[in-house]
C-alpha atoms as a PDB file:
ATOM      1  CA  UNK A   1      93.638  36.342 156.488  1.00  0.00           C
ATOM      2  CA  UNK A   2      95.293  32.970 157.348  1.00  0.00           C
ATOM      3  CA  UNK A   3      98.682  32.759 158.667  1.00  0.00           C
ATOM      4  CA  UNK A   4      99.996  30.907 155.666  1.00  0.00           C
ATOM      5  CA  UNK A   5      98.681  33.661 153.438  1.00  0.00           C
ATOM      6  CA  UNK A   6     100.344  36.209 155.573  1.00  0.00           C
ATOM      7  CA  UNK A   7     103.614  34.428 155.614  1.00  0.00           C
ATOM      8  CA  UNK A   8     103.517  33.912 151.743  1.00  0.00           C
ATOM      9  CA  UNK A   9     102.828  37.664 151.270  1.00  0.00           C
ATOM     10  CA  UNK A  10     105.709  38.489 153.623  1.00  0.00           C
ATOM     11  CA  UNK A  11     107.980  36.214 151.758  1.00  0.00           C
ATOM     12  CA  UNK A  12     107.075  37.741 148.393  1.00  0.00           C
ATOM     13  CA  UNK A  13     107.819  41.221 149.840  1.00  0.00           C
ATOM     14  CA  UNK A  14     111.170  40.031 151.262  1.00  0.00           C
ATOM     15  CA  UNK A  15     112.345  38.194 148.170  1.00  0.00           C
ATOM     16  CA  UNK A  16     110.833  39.707 145.095  1.00  0.00           C
ATOM     17  CA  UNK A  17     110.846  37.657 141.908  1.00  0.00           C
ATOM     18  CA  UNK A  18     113.992  37.882 139.936  1.00  0.00           C
ATOM     19  CA  UNK A  19     113.254  39.728 136.624  1.00  0.00           C
ATOM     20  CA  UNK A  20     114.091  37.769 133.578  1.00  0.00           C
ATOM     21  CA  UNK A  21     117.488  38.655 131.952  1.00  0.00           C
ATOM     22  CA  UNK A  22     117.239  41.139 129.088  1.00  0.00           C
ATOM     23  CA  UNK A  23     116.944  39.661 125.687  1.00  0.00           C
ATOM     24  CA  UNK A  24     120.380  39.569 123.957  1.00  0.00           C
ATOM     25  CA  UNK A  25     120.984  42.132 121.347  1.00  0.00           C
ATOM     26  CA  UNK A  26     121.315  40.458 117.943  1.00  0.00           C
ATOM     27  CA  UNK A  27     124.447  41.231 116.047  1.00  0.00           C
ATOM     28  CA  UNK A  28     124.093  43.424 113.020  1.00  0.00           C
ATOM     29  CA  UNK A  29     123.691  41.626 109.749  1.00  0.00           C
ATOM     30  CA  UNK A  30     126.825  41.068 107.849  1.00  0.00           C
ATOM     31  CA  UNK A  31     127.738  43.495 105.089  1.00  0.00           C
ATOM     32  CA  UNK A  32     127.278  41.814 101.697  1.00  0.00           C
ATOM     33  CA  UNK A  33     128.477  42.965  98.318  1.00  0.00           C
ATOM     34  CA  UNK A  34     125.084  43.765  97.141  1.00  0.00           C
ATOM     35  CA  UNK A  35     124.479  46.205  99.980  1.00  0.00           C
ATOM     36  CA  UNK A  36     127.802  47.898  99.178  1.00  0.00           C
ATOM     37  CA  UNK A  37     126.936  48.141  95.539  1.00  0.00           C
ATOM     38  CA  UNK A  38     123.516  49.532  96.287  1.00  0.00           C
ATOM     39  CA  UNK A  39     125.118  52.069  98.745  1.00  0.00           C
ATOM     40  CA  UNK A  40     127.512  53.292  96.077  1.00  0.00           C
ATOM     41  CA  UNK A  41     124.778  53.529  93.437  1.00  0.00           C
ATOM     42  CA  UNK A  42     122.507  55.431  95.922  1.00  0.00           C
ATOM     43  CA  UNK A  43     125.295  57.838  96.677  1.00  0.00           C
ATOM     44  CA  UNK A  44     126.003  58.350  92.873  1.00  0.00           C
ATOM     45  CA  UNK A  45     122.333  59.059  92.317  1.00  0.00           C
ATOM     46  CA  UNK A  46     122.280  61.478  95.310  1.00  0.00           C
ATOM     47  CA  UNK A  47     125.214  63.346  93.840  1.00  0.00           C
ATOM     48  CA  UNK A  48     123.486  63.403  90.386  1.00  0.00           C
ATOM     49  CA  UNK A  49     120.348  64.903  91.716  1.00  0.00           C
ATOM     50  CA  UNK A  50     122.344  67.389  93.920  1.00  0.00           C
ATOM     51  CA  UNK A  51     124.191  68.692  90.843  1.00  0.00           C
ATOM     52  CA  UNK A  52     120.899  68.996  88.934  1.00  0.00           C
ATOM     53  CA  UNK A  53     119.282  70.844  91.914  1.00  0.00           C
ATOM     54  CA  UNK A  54     122.229  73.261  92.354  1.00  0.00           C
ATOM     55  CA  UNK A  55     122.364  73.924  88.635  1.00  0.00           C
ATOM     56  CA  UNK A  56     118.698  74.646  88.485  1.00  0.00           C
ATOM     57  CA  UNK A  57     118.802  76.967  91.418  1.00  0.00           C
ATOM     58  CA  UNK A  58     121.526  78.963  89.550  1.00  0.00           C
ATOM     59  CA  UNK A  59     120.142  78.809  86.007  1.00  0.00           C
ATOM     60  CA  UNK A  60     116.402  78.873  86.181  1.00  0.00           C
ATOM     61  CA  UNK A  61     114.861  81.805  87.851  1.00  0.00           C
ATOM     62  CA  UNK A  62     111.269  80.535  88.042  1.00  0.00           C
ATOM     63  CA  UNK A  63     111.152  77.705  90.779  1.00  0.00           C
ATOM     64  CA  UNK A  64     108.056  76.278  89.159  1.00  0.00           C
ATOM     65  CA  UNK A  65     110.053  75.443  85.942  1.00  0.00           C
ATOM     66  CA  UNK A  66     113.145  73.982  87.644  1.00  0.00           C
ATOM     67  CA  UNK A  67     111.901  70.322  87.778  1.00  0.00           C
ATOM     68  CA  UNK A  68     110.952  70.464  84.133  1.00  0.00           C
ATOM     69  CA  UNK A  69     114.346  71.856  82.894  1.00  0.00           C
ATOM     70  CA  UNK A  70     116.113  69.547  85.327  1.00  0.00           C
ATOM     71  CA  UNK A  71     114.686  66.533  83.431  1.00  0.00           C
ATOM     72  CA  UNK A  72     116.742  67.561  80.471  1.00  0.00           C
ATOM     73  CA  UNK A  73     119.948  66.524  82.175  1.00  0.00           C
ATOM     74  CA  UNK A  74     121.376  63.242  81.027  1.00  0.00           C
ATOM     75  CA  UNK A  75     123.452  61.383  83.499  1.00  0.00           C
ATOM     76  CA  UNK A  76     125.355  59.650  80.773  1.00  0.00           C
ATOM     77  CA  UNK A  77     126.567  62.931  79.415  1.00  0.00           C
ATOM     78  CA  UNK A  78     127.315  64.264  82.869  1.00  0.00           C
ATOM     79  CA  UNK A  79     129.343  61.036  83.564  1.00  0.00           C
ATOM     80  CA  UNK A  80     131.246  61.501  80.326  1.00  0.00           C
ATOM     81  CA  UNK A  81     131.979  65.090  81.119  1.00  0.00           C
ATOM     82  CA  UNK A  82     133.181  64.149  84.582  1.00  0.00           C
ATOM     83  CA  UNK A  83     135.533  61.503  83.153  1.00  0.00           C
ATOM     84  CA  UNK A  84     136.960  63.886  80.652  1.00  0.00           C
ATOM     85  CA  UNK A  85     137.607  66.548  83.364  1.00  0.00           C
ATOM     86  CA  UNK A  86     138.824  64.475  86.257  1.00  0.00           C
ATOM     87  CA  UNK A  87     141.713  62.011  86.903  1.00  0.00           C
ATOM     88  CA  UNK A  88     140.393  58.574  87.581  1.00  0.00           C
ATOM     89  CA  UNK A  89     142.823  56.175  89.372  1.00  0.00           C
ATOM     90  CA  UNK A  90     141.834  52.532  88.798  1.00  0.00           C
ATOM     91  CA  UNK A  91     143.972  51.483  91.668  1.00  0.00           C
ATOM     92  CA  UNK A  92     142.546  53.872  94.190  1.00  0.00           C
ATOM     93  CA  UNK A  93     140.678  51.048  95.920  1.00  0.00           C
ATOM     94  CA  UNK A  94     143.930  49.568  97.045  1.00  0.00           C
ATOM     95  CA  UNK A  95     144.491  52.435  99.371  1.00  0.00           C
ATOM     96  CA  UNK A  96     141.016  52.213 100.809  1.00  0.00           C
ATOM     97  CA  UNK A  97     140.948  48.382 101.254  1.00  0.00           C
ATOM     98  CA  UNK A  98     142.870  48.253 104.557  1.00  0.00           C
ATOM     99  CA  UNK A  99     140.639  50.928 106.012  1.00  0.00           C
ATOM    100  CA  UNK A 100     137.559  48.981 105.057  1.00  0.00           C
ATOM    101  CA  UNK A 101     138.943  45.803 106.558  1.00  0.00           C
ATOM    102  CA  UNK A 102     139.594  47.666 109.798  1.00  0.00           C
ATOM    103  CA  UNK A 103     136.055  49.099 109.669  1.00  0.00           C
ATOM    104  CA  UNK A 104     134.660  45.710 109.113  1.00  0.00           C
ATOM    105  CA  UNK A 105     136.603  44.281 112.131  1.00  0.00           C
ATOM    106  CA  UNK A 106     135.272  47.144 114.301  1.00  0.00           C
ATOM    107  CA  UNK A 107     131.705  46.708 113.140  1.00  0.00           C
ATOM    108  CA  UNK A 108     131.634  42.921 113.632  1.00  0.00           C
END
C-alpha cells in the first residue's frame, strides 16, 4: 500500500466522519374543532355500545343471541331516558374551558 493510502486510512481512523444531526421531530398537528367533535362523538358511541354490551350480559343468557337482541336498542330512546334522569348543566363547559386552555398550552 502506498504511503498516501496509509496516511489517509490513519486520518480516517483518528478523525471519524461526523454523523449527520438527527432529524428534528416534527411538532404534533394542531388540535382542530373537527377532531374534538369526532373525539366526543366516538366517546359517545363507545359508551352507547358499552351500555348495550353490559345490558346484554345481564339480560340475555345465551351469548349467541346477545348481538341480535342488542340491535333492538335505540340510541335516541336511550338518550331521551338519560336526559330525563340526569341533570344537564348547559354552562358546564365554562368550568372546563380553562383546563383545556392549559392542556393546549402544554401540548403545543
